[in-house]
C-alpha atoms as a PDB file:
ATOM      1  CA  ALA A   1      91.920 122.212 116.252  1.00  0.00           C
ATOM      2  CA  GLY A   2      94.853 123.255 114.144  1.00  0.00           C
ATOM      3  CA  HIS A   3      96.922 121.457 111.600  1.00  0.00           C
ATOM      4  CA  SER A   4     100.273 120.091 112.562  1.00  0.00           C
ATOM      5  CA  PRO A   5     103.153 121.305 110.390  1.00  0.00           C
ATOM      6  CA  GLN A   6     103.632 117.665 109.347  1.00  0.00           C
ATOM      7  CA  VAL A   7     100.121 117.344 107.975  1.00  0.00           C
ATOM      8  CA  LYS A   8     100.349 120.767 106.358  1.00  0.00           C
ATOM      9  CA  ALA A   9     103.579 119.798 104.604  1.00  0.00           C
ATOM     10  CA  PHE A  10     101.974 116.616 103.322  1.00  0.00           C
ATOM     11  CA  VAL A  11      98.941 118.491 102.047  1.00  0.00           C
ATOM     12  CA  THR A  12     100.875 121.236 100.286  1.00  0.00           C
ATOM     13  CA  GLN A  13     103.897 119.304  99.040  1.00  0.00           C
ATOM     14  CA  ASP A  14     102.975 115.638  98.775  1.00  0.00           C
ATOM     15  CA  ILE A  15      99.351 115.542  97.655  1.00  0.00           C
ATOM     16  CA  PRO A  16     100.128 117.120  94.246  1.00  0.00           C
ATOM     17  CA  LEU A  17     102.470 114.186  93.582  1.00  0.00           C
ATOM     18  CA  TYR A  18      99.856 111.501  94.093  1.00  0.00           C
ATOM     19  CA  HIS A  19      97.789 110.375  91.152  1.00  0.00           C
ATOM     20  CA  ASN A  20      94.031 110.208  91.871  1.00  0.00           C
ATOM     21  CA  LEU A  21      94.465 111.495  95.402  1.00  0.00           C
ATOM     22  CA  GLU A  22      91.785 114.040  95.955  1.00  0.00           C
ATOM     23  CA  MET A  23      91.948 116.857  98.432  1.00  0.00           C
ATOM     24  CA  LYS A  24      88.892 118.336 100.039  1.00  0.00           C
ATOM     25  CA  HIS A  25      89.669 121.060 102.468  1.00  0.00           C
ATOM     26  CA  LEU A  26      87.167 122.347 104.948  1.00  0.00           C
ATOM     27  CA  PRO A  27      88.599 124.819 107.423  1.00  0.00           C
ATOM     28  CA  GLY A  28      88.523 124.610 111.167  1.00  0.00           C
ATOM     29  CA  ALA A  29      88.815 120.949 112.053  1.00  0.00           C
ATOM     30  CA  ASP A  30      91.345 118.196 111.997  1.00  0.00           C
ATOM     31  CA  PRO A  31      92.151 116.613 108.650  1.00  0.00           C
ATOM     32  CA  GLU A  32      91.087 113.043 108.067  1.00  0.00           C
ATOM     33  CA  LEU A  33      91.744 110.599 105.327  1.00  0.00           C
ATOM     34  CA  VAL A  34      88.396 109.148 104.268  1.00  0.00           C
ATOM     35  CA  LEU A  35      88.396 106.090 102.055  1.00  0.00           C
ATOM     36  CA  LEU A  36      85.320 105.806  99.888  1.00  0.00           C
ATOM     37  CA  GLY A  37      84.079 102.759  98.044  1.00  0.00           C
ATOM     38  CA  HIS A  38      82.788 102.807  94.495  1.00  0.00           C
ATOM     39  CA  ARG A  39      79.318 103.734  95.683  1.00  0.00           C
ATOM     40  CA  TYR A  40      80.849 106.535  97.723  1.00  0.00           C
ATOM     41  CA  GLU A  41      80.131 104.745 100.962  1.00  0.00           C
ATOM     42  CA  GLU A  42      82.646 105.335 103.673  1.00  0.00           C
ATOM     43  CA  LEU A  43      85.035 102.467 104.195  1.00  0.00           C
ATOM     44  CA  GLN A  44      87.412 103.923 106.686  1.00  0.00           C
ATOM     45  CA  ARG A  45      88.500 107.158 108.333  1.00  0.00           C
ATOM     46  CA  VAL A  46      92.028 107.868 109.379  1.00  0.00           C
ATOM     47  CA  PRO A  47      92.681 110.930 111.539  1.00  0.00           C
ATOM     48  CA  LEU A  48      95.906 112.503 110.332  1.00  0.00           C
ATOM     49  CA  SER A  49      96.562 115.009 113.092  1.00  0.00           C
ATOM     50  CA  ASP A  50      98.796 112.689 115.096  1.00  0.00           C
ATOM     51  CA  MET A  51     100.742 111.298 112.172  1.00  0.00           C
ATOM     52  CA  THR A  52     104.048 112.516 110.826  1.00  0.00           C
ATOM     53  CA  ARG A  53     104.435 113.437 107.193  1.00  0.00           C
ATOM     54  CA  GLU A  54     106.430 110.256 106.641  1.00  0.00           C
ATOM     55  CA  GLU A  55     103.725 108.103 108.199  1.00  0.00           C
ATOM     56  CA  ILE A  56     101.034 109.686 106.043  1.00  0.00           C
ATOM     57  CA  ASN A  57     103.106 109.129 102.901  1.00  0.00           C
ATOM     58  CA  GLN A  58     103.687 105.525 103.869  1.00  0.00           C
ATOM     59  CA  LEU A  59      99.981 105.017 104.518  1.00  0.00           C
ATOM     60  CA  VAL A  60      98.946 106.507 101.184  1.00  0.00           C
ATOM     61  CA  GLN A  61     101.481 104.390  99.305  1.00  0.00           C
ATOM     62  CA  GLU A  62     100.333 101.255 101.131  1.00  0.00           C
ATOM     63  CA  LEU A  63      96.833 102.062  99.939  1.00  0.00           C
ATOM     64  CA  GLY A  64      98.160 101.800  96.408  1.00  0.00           C
ATOM     65  CA  PHE A  65      98.428 105.415  95.338  1.00  0.00           C
ATOM     66  CA  TYR A  66     101.102 106.202  92.780  1.00  0.00           C
ATOM     67  CA  ARG A  67     103.570 108.899  93.751  1.00  0.00           C
ATOM     68  CA  LYS A  68     105.037 110.900  90.882  1.00  0.00           C
ATOM     69  CA  GLU A  69     108.503 112.469  90.856  1.00  0.00           C
ATOM     70  CA  THR A  70     107.025 115.890  90.136  1.00  0.00           C
ATOM     71  CA  PRO A  71     103.413 117.101  89.992  1.00  0.00           C
ATOM     72  CA  ASP A  72     103.600 117.267  86.185  1.00  0.00           C
ATOM     73  CA  ALA A  73     105.297 113.924  85.640  1.00  0.00           C
ATOM     74  CA  PRO A  74     103.422 111.472  83.427  1.00  0.00           C
ATOM     75  CA  VAL A  75     101.715 108.550  85.129  1.00  0.00           C
ATOM     76  CA  PRO A  76     102.648 105.083  83.812  1.00  0.00           C
ATOM     77  CA  GLU A  77      99.767 103.327  82.147  1.00  0.00           C
ATOM     78  CA  GLU A  78      99.519 100.595  84.765  1.00  0.00           C
ATOM     79  CA  PHE A  79      99.002 103.260  87.408  1.00  0.00           C
ATOM     80  CA  GLN A  80      96.362 105.289  85.567  1.00  0.00           C
ATOM     81  CA  PHE A  81      93.663 103.789  87.726  1.00  0.00           C
ATOM     82  CA  ALA A  82      95.701 103.552  90.903  1.00  0.00           C
ATOM     83  CA  PRO A  83      95.056 102.872  93.669  1.00  0.00           C
ATOM     84  CA  ALA A  84      94.784  99.402  92.244  1.00  0.00           C
ATOM     85  CA  LYS A  85      92.264  97.968  94.649  1.00  0.00           C
ATOM     86  CA  PRO A  86      89.357  95.615  93.980  1.00  0.00           C
ATOM     87  CA  LEU A  87      87.096  98.625  94.485  1.00  0.00           C
ATOM     88  CA  PRO A  88      87.908 102.000  93.028  1.00  0.00           C
ATOM     89  CA  THR A  89      88.552 103.937  96.217  1.00  0.00           C
ATOM     90  CA  LEU A  90      88.790 107.678  96.466  1.00  0.00           C
ATOM     91  CA  LEU A  91      90.817 109.292  99.135  1.00  0.00           C
ATOM     92  CA  HIS A  92      89.420 112.399 100.750  1.00  0.00           C
ATOM     93  CA  LEU A  93      91.273 114.583 103.143  1.00  0.00           C
ATOM     94  CA  GLN A  94      88.475 116.436 104.803  1.00  0.00           C
ATOM     95  CA  VAL A  95      86.584 117.237 107.929  1.00  0.00           C
ATOM     96  CA  PRO A  96      83.008 116.123 108.548  1.00  0.00           C
ATOM     97  CA  THR A  97      80.230 118.568 107.797  1.00  0.00           C
ATOM     98  CA  ALA A  98      77.863 119.564 110.571  1.00  0.00           C
ATOM     99  CA  ASP A  99      75.767 116.423 110.235  1.00  0.00           C
ATOM    100  CA  GLY A 100      78.863 114.270 109.954  1.00  0.00           C
ATOM    101  CA  LYS A 101      78.141 113.236 106.392  1.00  0.00           C
ATOM    102  CA  THR A 102      80.152 113.866 103.285  1.00  0.00           C
ATOM    103  CA  PRO A 103      78.182 115.525 100.513  1.00  0.00           C
ATOM    104  CA  PRO A 104      77.520 112.759  97.988  1.00  0.00           C
ATOM    105  CA  LYS A 105      79.251 113.068  94.666  1.00  0.00           C
ATOM    106  CA  HIS A 106      77.182 112.810  91.555  1.00  0.00           C
ATOM    107  CA  ASP A 107      77.435 109.297  90.228  1.00  0.00           C
ATOM    108  CA  LYS A 108      76.795 109.254  86.494  1.00  0.00           C
ATOM    109  CA  GLU A 109      75.610 105.642  86.571  1.00  0.00           C
ATOM    110  CA  GLU A 110      72.814 106.196  89.025  1.00  0.00           C
ATOM    111  CA  HIS A 111      69.800 108.403  88.498  1.00  0.00           C
ATOM    112  CA  PRO A 112      67.614 107.938  91.556  1.00  0.00           C
ATOM    113  CA  ASP A 113      65.721 111.122  90.756  1.00  0.00           C
ATOM    114  CA  LEU A 114      64.524 110.009  87.329  1.00  0.00           C
END
C-alpha cells in the first residue's frame, strides 16, 4: 500500500474545501471513498488509489458536494445540507477495519439498546 501523491494532495488540500465531506484516516491501506446512506449503510465504495487529484475532485463534485473557495469561506444557504441527494449521504475516505466493517456512528434517532 502507499498513497499516491495525487490522493495525498486531494486529502490535504482539497478535503478542507468541501462542505460536509468527512475524512476518516486509518493508516496502512489504500484510501477509499465510502458513500453511506442515512442509516449508515454502505451504498458504494470507490478506491481512490488509481485516480488523479482532478478525477477525485470531479467525482466529489458530481456527488453534489459544495467546494468552497477557502476552508473558512461561508457556505451558501442552499448548500448547507449538500450533497443535495434524496438521501443524506456521508462521504468517508477510509480503509476497512480488520473485519471489513466501518464502526457504526451513533444515530441519535435510534436507540436499539433501550
